[in-house]
Structures are given as structure tokens and as C-alpha cells.
């Protein structure tokens, strides 16, 4: 159940909210399937399929946002609308005007919507009220914003903030490459992206390829800075750190998998064990990343 991507936010530590209280607040926004006239529906679903909207292990809470979206491509609407417009032209003797064509498209969309295919996706959220983390498993900030929007609607006056550090990830990652030295507890891996700061935005990417010191200096001298850097933490977790302080491609390495041999456990126990391991290790990793970036900016100063 490991998160693949970490969009990281801050809550007060400790945050005075338990699983039962949060469950009650989320309940009014429980997911409901799209009706025949809805293009999209979003709401909270049970992470374990047991009807509970909050799954808690060692005070760590797991939520899941469900999103159903109907697929009604514009090309389909345009094609049917064109056929409908041809029929109308034959009846009235002249082609529909702009206003009438707009009405035709709206009518066609309404007619096709009940028959449209739909897709369903989930987005997981981990809340650590003890240490004040809120983490969304989303590859983009846009997907994370969908979660936060509904969470803010569910929890009135949610004291949520972005994560602010003293040193820019771009500057720090560039310095690590130039010095050829990762911060304590980390190693630099083989995927790197450097981008020019000027208008050209010239970008160079190294994929599964180590950068030589001369290459680093040449790119930095040309005005490029590191915007993505693959790293490994404590020989346990590999990831990619981005310029926006998002953590992507999170992968638990063999040393963690071997230490969590749960073949003899049932599904529920295995899930809870995995969740406890994930939240514990990611908690420590995120704290070390913040420290490597100069520490966290105090909440009042960040505001």
C-alpha cells in the first residue's frame, strides 16, 4: 500500500483530531455515483471497503477520495451535432446559425450523457496528527488540490498549510551535484534534470545515467539548475525530489521488504503492518529531507 507520490502539507503538531471525529466530518461528503445528468462526482470512500471512511493504525489516518468522471469526447458531440445540423438544414432550407448550432450541441450533449462511459479513480491521503503531516498520493499538485478542496469543505477551518523550508530545493539540489556530495543519510542516484533559468528554459535530462563532475559544472556554468533529482534515503527508500518540494516515484527497497515479511498474516493484518511501516519510515524520511533543506520555516513566518 505504499504511496507512490508525496504532495506534502502541514498541520499543527499535534493536531487535536481523532479518527472518530474526522469520520463524522467526512460522512456528509461520502461518494455517490454520477446520476444521468452528472459529468463528474467526487466524495470520500472507505479505504478498506468496510464502510469506514477513516482507517487508523497507531494514530495514523488513511483517507481515500473517489472520483467518477464520464467520458464524452468533444469529437463525438461535434460529429452527432453535424449530422443533426444537416437534418435541420434539409427541413428549414438553410444551415443553422451560430446560436442555433450552440443549442444543438447542448441538446446532443444532454442526450448522450446518460449513455457515456465513466472511469473511476481513487486518491489516497495520509494524515499524521501526531507530527503534523498531511500527505496526498498524487503525481500533480492539481490532483492534490481536488483532495484538499473537498477536505476543506468537510473540515471547517482546517489548519492546513504548505510545507516551507529555509533553502530552495533547486539551490540545494544544484549544490549537492556541484559538490558531488549528498546530505547525510542520502545518496544521489542516476536520474537528473537541469533547466536553464533564462527565457529559453533549455532542459537536459539524464536517465539511468550518472553525471560526471565536469558535466555538472558545464551545465551550471551555462545557467542551468537542478529541478529534479533521484535520491535514496538510508538505503531504504528511493525517490525523486522536485523543485516544488514534491516527492515522486517513491519505492521501498528490498531491505524494507525483507524486514516486513508478512506472508503468514491475513490481509487485514498485512495491510495494517504495511501502513505502520510506511508511515513510520516516510515520517523519518520527510523529516530528514526538511533538515537537508535547512530546516522548516516557522509557521508564523511562512504565513
Protein backbone atom coordinates (compact mmCIF):
# COMPACT_ATOMS: atom_id res chain seq x y z
CA UNK A 1 0.00 0.00 0.00
CA UNK A 2 2.99 2.31 -0.34
CA UNK A 3 2.32 5.80 -1.63
CA UNK A 4 4.00 6.41 -4.99
CA UNK A 5 3.99 10.22 -4.79
CA UNK A 6 4.06 12.64 -1.89
CA UNK A 7 2.43 16.07 -2.07
CA UNK A 8 3.26 17.31 1.42
CA UNK A 9 1.33 19.73 3.63
CA UNK A 10 1.49 20.79 7.25
CA UNK A 11 -0.93 20.63 10.17
CA UNK A 12 -0.31 21.80 13.74
CA UNK A 13 1.63 19.17 15.68
CA UNK A 14 -0.10 17.60 17.46
CA UNK A 15 -3.42 18.09 15.66
CA UNK A 16 -6.34 17.58 18.02
CA UNK A 17 -8.47 15.39 15.77
CA UNK A 18 -9.05 11.67 16.16
CA UNK A 19 -10.35 9.13 13.67
CA UNK A 20 -13.92 9.10 15.02
CA UNK A 21 -14.19 12.88 14.89
CA UNK A 22 -12.82 13.00 11.35
CA UNK A 23 -15.14 10.17 10.28
CA UNK A 24 -18.17 12.20 11.36
CA UNK A 25 -16.97 15.27 9.48
CA UNK A 26 -16.31 13.35 6.25
CA UNK A 27 -19.63 11.47 6.25
CA UNK A 28 -21.73 14.25 4.61
CA UNK A 29 -19.33 14.15 1.63
CA UNK A 30 -19.45 10.39 1.09
CA UNK A 31 -19.05 9.41 -2.55
CA UNK A 32 -22.19 8.91 -4.66
CA UNK A 33 -22.18 7.67 -8.24
CA UNK A 34 -22.87 10.06 -11.10
CA UNK A 35 -26.51 10.49 -12.00
CA UNK A 36 -27.63 10.53 -15.64
CA UNK A 37 -27.04 14.29 -15.78
CA UNK A 38 -23.68 14.47 -13.94
CA UNK A 39 -20.34 14.66 -15.73
CA UNK A 40 -18.37 14.04 -12.55
CA UNK A 41 -18.84 13.01 -8.95
CA UNK A 42 -16.37 13.10 -6.06
CA UNK A 43 -16.57 12.02 -2.46
CA UNK A 44 -14.92 10.05 0.32
CA UNK A 45 -14.85 6.26 0.08
CA UNK A 46 -13.75 3.56 2.50
CA UNK A 47 -10.01 2.83 2.14
CA UNK A 48 -10.57 -0.77 3.26
CA UNK A 49 -14.03 -1.34 1.78
CA UNK A 50 -15.58 -1.82 5.22
CA UNK A 51 -17.76 1.28 5.23
CA UNK A 52 -15.41 3.31 7.41
CA UNK A 53 -14.14 6.49 5.79
CA UNK A 54 -11.09 6.74 8.08
CA UNK A 55 -8.72 3.81 8.58
CA UNK A 56 -6.47 4.33 11.60
CA UNK A 57 -3.30 2.49 12.64
CA UNK A 58 -1.19 3.77 15.55
CA UNK A 59 -2.94 7.15 15.33
CA UNK A 60 -2.02 7.41 11.64
CA UNK A 61 -5.11 8.01 9.48
CA UNK A 62 -5.77 6.95 5.90
CA UNK A 63 -8.49 8.52 3.73
CA UNK A 64 -9.45 7.97 0.12
CA UNK A 65 -11.12 10.26 -2.39
CA UNK A 66 -13.20 8.59 -5.09
CA UNK A 67 -13.72 10.33 -8.43
CA UNK A 68 -16.06 9.17 -11.18
CA UNK A 69 -15.84 11.01 -14.48
CA UNK A 70 -17.90 10.42 -17.60
CA UNK A 71 -16.16 10.29 -20.94
CA UNK A 72 -17.95 12.33 -23.57
CA UNK A 73 -15.35 13.46 -26.13
CA UNK A 74 -15.95 16.72 -27.97
CA UNK A 75 -15.32 14.89 -31.25
CA UNK A 76 -18.35 12.67 -30.62
CA UNK A 77 -20.56 15.64 -29.75
CA UNK A 78 -19.37 17.50 -32.85
CA UNK A 79 -19.97 14.52 -35.12
CA UNK A 80 -23.52 13.93 -33.91
CA UNK A 81 -24.23 17.67 -33.91
CA UNK A 82 -23.07 17.94 -37.53
CA UNK A 83 -25.44 15.15 -38.56
CA UNK A 84 -28.28 16.82 -36.63
CA UNK A 85 -27.50 20.17 -38.26
CA UNK A 86 -27.65 18.58 -41.73
CA UNK A 87 -31.10 17.19 -40.96
CA UNK A 88 -32.29 20.58 -39.72
CA UNK A 89 -30.89 22.31 -42.81
CA UNK A 90 -32.88 19.97 -45.05
CA UNK A 91 -36.03 20.73 -43.09
CA UNK A 92 -35.72 24.52 -42.86
CA UNK A 93 -33.88 25.14 -46.11
CA UNK A 94 -30.84 26.89 -44.64
CA UNK A 95 -27.94 25.99 -42.37
CA UNK A 96 -28.28 26.58 -38.62
CA UNK A 97 -26.68 29.81 -37.39
CA UNK A 98 -24.13 30.11 -34.60
CA UNK A 99 -26.73 30.42 -31.84
CA UNK A 100 -28.79 27.50 -33.14
CA UNK A 101 -25.65 25.38 -33.56
CA UNK A 102 -24.74 26.03 -29.94
CA UNK A 103 -28.20 24.90 -28.86
CA UNK A 104 -27.89 21.76 -31.00
CA UNK A 105 -24.57 20.84 -29.34
CA UNK A 106 -26.00 21.37 -25.87
CA UNK A 107 -29.00 19.20 -26.71
CA UNK A 108 -26.78 16.47 -28.16
CA UNK A 109 -24.55 16.50 -25.06
CA UNK A 110 -27.59 16.14 -22.80
CA UNK A 111 -28.85 13.21 -24.88
CA UNK A 112 -25.50 11.40 -24.95
CA UNK A 113 -24.55 11.94 -21.30
CA UNK A 114 -26.70 9.11 -19.84
CA UNK A 115 -25.03 6.66 -22.24
CA UNK A 116 -21.47 7.91 -21.73
CA UNK A 117 -18.82 5.57 -20.34
CA UNK A 118 -17.30 6.51 -17.00
CA UNK A 119 -13.94 5.98 -15.34
CA UNK A 120 -13.26 5.75 -11.63
CA UNK A 121 -10.07 6.60 -9.79
CA UNK A 122 -9.02 6.93 -6.18
CA UNK A 123 -6.57 9.26 -4.44
CA UNK A 124 -5.19 8.32 -1.04
CA UNK A 125 -4.47 10.71 1.83
CA UNK A 126 -2.32 10.04 4.87
CA UNK A 127 -2.76 12.23 7.95
CA UNK A 128 -0.28 12.10 10.80
CA UNK A 129 -1.90 14.17 13.59
CA UNK A 130 0.99 13.42 15.95
CA UNK A 131 3.73 15.02 13.82
CA UNK A 132 1.52 17.32 11.77
CA UNK A 133 1.83 15.85 8.27
CA UNK A 134 -0.83 15.63 5.61
CA UNK A 135 0.33 13.78 2.50
CA UNK A 136 -1.58 13.22 -0.73
CA UNK A 137 -0.56 10.38 -3.04
CA UNK A 138 -0.85 12.40 -6.25
CA UNK A 139 1.56 12.91 -9.13
CA UNK A 140 0.49 16.52 -9.66
CA UNK A 141 -0.50 19.44 -7.47
CA UNK A 142 -3.75 19.68 -9.45
CA UNK A 143 -4.84 16.22 -8.34
CA UNK A 144 -3.84 17.05 -4.77
CA UNK A 145 -5.89 20.26 -4.95
CA UNK A 146 -9.00 18.19 -5.68
CA UNK A 147 -8.47 16.34 -2.41
CA UNK A 148 -7.75 19.49 -0.42
CA UNK A 149 -10.82 21.24 -1.82
CA UNK A 150 -13.15 18.52 -0.55
CA UNK A 151 -11.23 18.18 2.71
CA UNK A 152 -11.58 21.88 3.40
CA UNK A 153 -15.29 21.57 2.63
CA UNK A 154 -15.59 18.64 5.04
CA UNK A 155 -13.49 20.02 7.89
CA UNK A 156 -14.38 23.60 8.72
CA UNK A 157 -11.36 25.83 9.39
CA UNK A 158 -8.88 23.05 8.68
CA UNK A 159 -5.50 24.49 9.84
CA UNK A 160 -3.67 23.33 6.72
CA UNK A 161 -0.57 24.99 5.27
CA UNK A 162 2.06 24.26 2.68
CA UNK A 163 5.47 22.94 3.68
CA UNK A 164 8.02 25.78 3.76
CA UNK A 165 11.76 25.17 4.08
CA UNK A 166 14.64 27.60 4.50
CA UNK A 167 16.57 26.58 1.39
CA UNK A 168 15.13 26.27 -2.09
CA UNK A 169 15.16 22.67 -3.33
CA UNK A 170 16.56 23.92 -6.65
CA UNK A 171 19.52 25.64 -5.00
CA UNK A 172 20.14 22.73 -2.62
CA UNK A 173 20.00 20.05 -5.32
CA UNK A 174 22.31 22.06 -7.55
CA UNK A 175 24.80 22.47 -4.71
CA UNK A 176 24.73 18.74 -3.98
CA UNK A 177 25.54 17.99 -7.60
CA UNK A 178 28.30 20.59 -7.86
CA UNK A 179 29.91 19.39 -4.62
CA UNK A 180 29.33 15.78 -5.62
CA UNK A 181 28.14 15.18 -2.10
CA UNK A 182 24.63 14.33 -0.91
CA UNK A 183 23.40 15.39 2.54
CA UNK A 184 23.92 12.94 5.39
CA UNK A 185 21.79 9.83 5.12
CA UNK A 186 21.14 10.27 1.39
CA UNK A 187 22.80 9.17 -1.84
CA UNK A 188 22.32 10.70 -5.28
CA UNK A 189 21.03 8.29 -7.92
CA UNK A 190 21.17 8.34 -11.71
CA UNK A 191 18.13 10.39 -12.81
CA UNK A 192 18.67 14.14 -13.01
CA UNK A 193 17.05 17.11 -14.69
CA UNK A 194 18.68 20.53 -15.10
CA UNK A 195 16.89 23.54 -16.59
CA UNK A 196 18.08 26.96 -17.63
CA UNK A 197 16.76 29.90 -15.64
CA UNK A 198 16.53 32.22 -18.64
CA UNK A 199 13.76 32.60 -21.18
CA UNK A 200 14.96 29.60 -23.18
CA UNK A 201 14.14 27.14 -20.38
CA UNK A 202 16.66 24.81 -22.02
CA UNK A 203 16.48 21.45 -20.27
CA UNK A 204 18.78 18.46 -20.10
CA UNK A 205 17.80 15.12 -18.58
CA UNK A 206 19.96 12.21 -17.50
CA UNK A 207 18.01 8.97 -17.20
CA UNK A 208 19.72 5.99 -15.58
CA UNK A 209 22.97 7.75 -16.23
CA UNK A 210 25.35 9.23 -13.66
CA UNK A 211 26.50 12.79 -14.20
CA UNK A 212 30.22 13.39 -14.30
CA UNK A 213 31.56 16.33 -12.31
CA UNK A 214 32.67 18.09 -15.50
CA UNK A 215 29.17 17.77 -16.99
CA UNK A 216 27.61 19.24 -13.86
CA UNK A 217 29.95 22.23 -13.85
CA UNK A 218 29.42 22.80 -17.57
CA UNK A 219 25.64 22.87 -17.26
CA UNK A 220 25.67 25.03 -14.13
CA UNK A 221 28.12 27.47 -15.77
CA UNK A 222 25.67 27.69 -18.67
CA UNK A 223 22.96 28.88 -16.28
CA UNK A 224 21.16 25.61 -15.55
CA UNK A 225 19.93 24.48 -12.15
CA UNK A 226 18.79 21.11 -10.89
CA UNK A 227 14.99 20.79 -10.89
CA UNK A 228 14.63 17.01 -10.35
CA UNK A 229 16.99 14.67 -8.58
CA UNK A 230 16.73 10.95 -7.91
CA UNK A 231 17.94 10.00 -4.44
CA UNK A 232 17.94 7.19 -1.91
CA UNK A 233 17.34 7.67 1.79
CA UNK A 234 19.06 5.47 4.36
CA UNK A 235 19.36 2.63 1.83
CA UNK A 236 15.63 2.05 2.39
CA UNK A 237 13.60 4.28 0.06
CA UNK A 238 14.37 5.68 -3.37
CA UNK A 239 12.55 8.75 -4.70
CA UNK A 240 12.76 11.80 -6.94
CA UNK A 241 12.81 15.24 -5.32
CA UNK A 242 11.36 18.08 -7.44
CA UNK A 243 11.78 21.82 -7.46
CA UNK A 244 8.29 22.20 -5.94
CA UNK A 245 9.26 20.05 -2.94
CA UNK A 246 7.10 17.20 -4.19
CA UNK A 247 8.47 13.67 -3.82
CA UNK A 248 7.79 11.31 -6.70
CA UNK A 249 8.46 7.69 -7.68
CA UNK A 250 8.68 6.57 -4.07
CA UNK A 251 9.90 2.98 -3.90
CA UNK A 252 10.57 0.84 -0.83
CA UNK A 253 13.81 -1.04 -1.34
CA UNK A 254 14.48 -4.70 -0.60
CA UNK A 255 15.84 -4.05 2.88
CA UNK A 256 12.38 -2.83 3.95
CA UNK A 257 10.51 -5.56 2.13
CA UNK A 258 12.64 -8.23 3.74
CA UNK A 259 12.13 -6.76 7.20
CA UNK A 260 8.38 -6.86 6.67
CA UNK A 261 7.87 -10.46 5.65
CA UNK A 262 4.14 -10.79 6.25
CA UNK A 263 3.33 -13.92 4.26
CA UNK A 264 1.84 -15.63 7.30
CA UNK A 265 -0.58 -12.81 8.12
CA UNK A 266 -4.11 -12.31 6.85
CA UNK A 267 -4.96 -9.41 4.51
CA UNK A 268 -6.13 -7.01 7.23
CA UNK A 269 -3.09 -7.60 9.43
CA UNK A 270 -0.77 -7.36 6.44
CA UNK A 271 -2.35 -4.06 5.37
CA UNK A 272 -2.04 -2.56 8.84
CA UNK A 273 1.56 -3.74 9.16
CA UNK A 274 2.41 -2.22 5.78
CA UNK A 275 0.69 1.03 6.73
CA UNK A 276 2.56 1.24 10.04
CA UNK A 277 5.87 0.58 8.27
CA UNK A 278 5.17 3.09 5.50
CA UNK A 279 4.05 5.92 7.77
CA UNK A 280 6.92 5.36 10.17
CA UNK A 281 9.63 5.31 7.51
CA UNK A 282 8.19 8.16 5.42
CA UNK A 283 7.81 10.23 8.57
CA UNK A 284 11.53 9.93 9.27
CA UNK A 285 12.47 10.42 5.62
CA UNK A 286 10.44 13.63 5.26
CA UNK A 287 11.96 15.00 8.46
CA UNK A 288 15.45 14.30 7.09
CA UNK A 289 14.62 15.97 3.77
CA UNK A 290 13.40 19.07 5.60
CA UNK A 291 16.62 19.10 7.64
CA UNK A 292 18.71 18.72 4.47
CA UNK A 293 16.94 21.79 3.08
CA UNK A 294 17.92 23.95 6.04
CA UNK A 295 15.01 23.15 8.29
CA UNK A 296 11.41 24.27 8.30
CA UNK A 297 10.33 27.90 8.28
CA UNK A 298 8.24 28.55 11.41
CA UNK A 299 4.52 28.62 10.61
CA UNK A 300 4.04 32.29 11.54
CA UNK A 301 6.99 33.38 9.39
CA UNK A 302 5.83 31.16 6.49
CA UNK A 303 2.45 32.85 6.58
